[in-house]
Amino acid sequence: MQPQPATPFRVPNTPSPFAGAVTKELCTVEDLASIAGVTPATVRWWVHVGRAPRNFKIAGGRRTYFARADVIAWLEQGRAGTETA
């Protein structure tokens, strides 16, 4: 069984087209909203219903954070789902 490529539109070992959009190692809800072109309330809803990238809160904190790699992977996954042949 051959392993499937992570994304069908990208050549292996090339930088992600989204890497330039995500400039910090940790993104906030506001950062992700800006990148995705939606409101912070939409991102909070995505977190609530499980549609957002993997996220976490720092112990005792209220803010939600997303790792840069997770945001890029989430964007690529969404893009791969909209590609047409």
C-alpha atoms as a PDB file:
ATOM      1  CA  MET A   1       0.000   0.000   0.000  1.00  0.00           C
ATOM      2  CA  GLN A   2       1.489   3.328  -1.107  1.00  0.00           C
ATOM      3  CA  PRO A   3       1.317   6.238   1.360  1.00  0.00           C
ATOM      4  CA  GLN A   4      -0.900   9.065   0.163  1.00  0.00           C
ATOM      5  CA  PRO A   5       0.581  12.551  -0.135  1.00  0.00           C
ATOM      6  CA  ALA A   6      -0.496  14.985   2.576  1.00  0.00           C
ATOM      7  CA  THR A   7      -1.967  17.353  -0.012  1.00  0.00           C
ATOM      8  CA  PRO A   8      -2.575  16.601  -3.675  1.00  0.00           C
ATOM      9  CA  PHE A   9      -1.677  20.081  -4.937  1.00  0.00           C
ATOM     10  CA  ARG A  10       1.783  20.462  -3.411  1.00  0.00           C
ATOM     11  CA  VAL A  11       5.064  18.957  -4.544  1.00  0.00           C
ATOM     12  CA  PRO A  12       6.810  17.229  -1.602  1.00  0.00           C
ATOM     13  CA  ASN A  13       9.563  19.227   0.136  1.00  0.00           C
ATOM     14  CA  THR A  14       8.323  22.595  -1.132  1.00  0.00           C
ATOM     15  CA  PRO A  15       7.237  25.358   1.211  1.00  0.00           C
ATOM     16  CA  SER A  16       3.553  25.722   1.934  1.00  0.00           C
ATOM     17  CA  PRO A  17       1.829  28.554   0.063  1.00  0.00           C
ATOM     18  CA  PHE A  18       0.299  29.520   3.428  1.00  0.00           C
ATOM     19  CA  ALA A  19       3.594  29.745   5.318  1.00  0.00           C
ATOM     20  CA  GLY A  20       3.950  33.468   4.578  1.00  0.00           C
ATOM     21  CA  ALA A  21       0.479  34.241   5.917  1.00  0.00           C
ATOM     22  CA  VAL A  22       1.219  32.744   9.315  1.00  0.00           C
ATOM     23  CA  THR A  23       4.137  34.726  10.703  1.00  0.00           C
ATOM     24  CA  LYS A  24       4.102  33.788  14.403  1.00  0.00           C
ATOM     25  CA  GLU A  25       4.604  30.420  16.105  1.00  0.00           C
ATOM     26  CA  LEU A  26       1.347  30.865  18.029  1.00  0.00           C
ATOM     27  CA  CYS A  27      -1.757  32.399  16.494  1.00  0.00           C
ATOM     28  CA  THR A  28      -4.644  33.889  18.440  1.00  0.00           C
ATOM     29  CA  VAL A  29      -8.315  33.781  17.492  1.00  0.00           C
ATOM     30  CA  GLU A  30      -7.898  37.261  16.014  1.00  0.00           C
ATOM     31  CA  ASP A  31      -4.855  36.170  13.974  1.00  0.00           C
ATOM     32  CA  LEU A  32      -6.699  33.172  12.529  1.00  0.00           C
ATOM     33  CA  ALA A  33      -9.739  35.327  11.767  1.00  0.00           C
ATOM     34  CA  SER A  34      -7.548  37.741   9.816  1.00  0.00           C
ATOM     35  CA  ILE A  35      -5.860  34.928   7.880  1.00  0.00           C
ATOM     36  CA  ALA A  36      -9.163  33.163   7.096  1.00  0.00           C
ATOM     37  CA  GLY A  37     -11.013  36.383   6.275  1.00  0.00           C
ATOM     38  CA  VAL A  38     -13.743  35.863   8.864  1.00  0.00           C
ATOM     39  CA  THR A  39     -14.695  37.488  12.159  1.00  0.00           C
ATOM     40  CA  PRO A  40     -13.209  36.381  15.488  1.00  0.00           C
ATOM     41  CA  ALA A  41     -16.727  35.254  16.476  1.00  0.00           C
ATOM     42  CA  THR A  42     -16.719  32.819  13.541  1.00  0.00           C
ATOM     43  CA  VAL A  43     -13.378  31.369  14.668  1.00  0.00           C
ATOM     44  CA  ARG A  44     -14.700  30.999  18.222  1.00  0.00           C
ATOM     45  CA  TRP A  45     -17.720  29.151  16.791  1.00  0.00           C
ATOM     46  CA  TRP A  46     -15.426  26.871  14.766  1.00  0.00           C
ATOM     47  CA  VAL A  47     -13.525  26.095  17.985  1.00  0.00           C
ATOM     48  CA  HIS A  48     -16.799  25.335  19.768  1.00  0.00           C
ATOM     49  CA  VAL A  49     -18.083  22.948  17.078  1.00  0.00           C
ATOM     50  CA  GLY A  50     -14.677  21.372  16.325  1.00  0.00           C
ATOM     51  CA  ARG A  51     -14.056  22.869  12.872  1.00  0.00           C
ATOM     52  CA  ALA A  52     -11.024  24.998  13.826  1.00  0.00           C
ATOM     53  CA  PRO A  53      -7.408  23.836  13.781  1.00  0.00           C
ATOM     54  CA  ARG A  54      -6.154  22.032  16.860  1.00  0.00           C
ATOM     55  CA  ASN A  55      -6.085  24.594  19.663  1.00  0.00           C
ATOM     56  CA  PHE A  56      -5.186  24.999  23.312  1.00  0.00           C
ATOM     57  CA  LYS A  57      -5.218  27.382  26.248  1.00  0.00           C
ATOM     58  CA  ILE A  58      -2.222  28.079  28.436  1.00  0.00           C
ATOM     59  CA  ALA A  59      -2.857  26.854  32.005  1.00  0.00           C
ATOM     60  CA  GLY A  60      -5.216  29.189  33.806  1.00  0.00           C
ATOM     61  CA  GLY A  61      -5.624  31.402  30.758  1.00  0.00           C
ATOM     62  CA  ARG A  62      -8.703  32.403  28.826  1.00  0.00           C
ATOM     63  CA  ARG A  63      -7.188  32.963  25.372  1.00  0.00           C
ATOM     64  CA  THR A  64      -7.262  30.258  22.733  1.00  0.00           C
ATOM     65  CA  TYR A  65      -4.071  29.647  20.752  1.00  0.00           C
ATOM     66  CA  PHE A  66      -3.262  27.728  17.567  1.00  0.00           C
ATOM     67  CA  ALA A  67       0.175  26.395  16.632  1.00  0.00           C
ATOM     68  CA  ARG A  68       1.541  27.753  13.346  1.00  0.00           C
ATOM     69  CA  ALA A  69       2.006  24.261  11.885  1.00  0.00           C
ATOM     70  CA  ASP A  70      -1.585  23.320  12.759  1.00  0.00           C
ATOM     71  CA  VAL A  71      -2.970  26.466  11.115  1.00  0.00           C
ATOM     72  CA  ILE A  72      -0.981  25.848   7.930  1.00  0.00           C
ATOM     73  CA  ALA A  73      -2.087  22.186   7.814  1.00  0.00           C
ATOM     74  CA  TRP A  74      -5.719  23.237   8.403  1.00  0.00           C
ATOM     75  CA  LEU A  75      -5.539  25.798   5.584  1.00  0.00           C
ATOM     76  CA  GLU A  76      -3.983  23.247   3.218  1.00  0.00           C
ATOM     77  CA  GLN A  77      -6.635  20.674   4.111  1.00  0.00           C
ATOM     78  CA  GLY A  78      -9.379  23.172   3.337  1.00  0.00           C
ATOM     79  CA  ARG A  79      -7.729  24.147   0.077  1.00  0.00           C
ATOM     80  CA  ALA A  80      -7.272  20.512  -0.942  1.00  0.00           C
ATOM     81  CA  GLY A  81     -10.998  19.949  -0.370  1.00  0.00           C
ATOM     82  CA  THR A  82     -11.863  22.745  -2.809  1.00  0.00           C
ATOM     83  CA  GLU A  83      -9.464  21.846  -5.618  1.00  0.00           C
ATOM     84  CA  THR A  84     -11.138  20.894  -8.877  1.00  0.00           C
ATOM     85  CA  ALA A  85      -9.619  18.729 -11.552  1.00  0.00           C
END
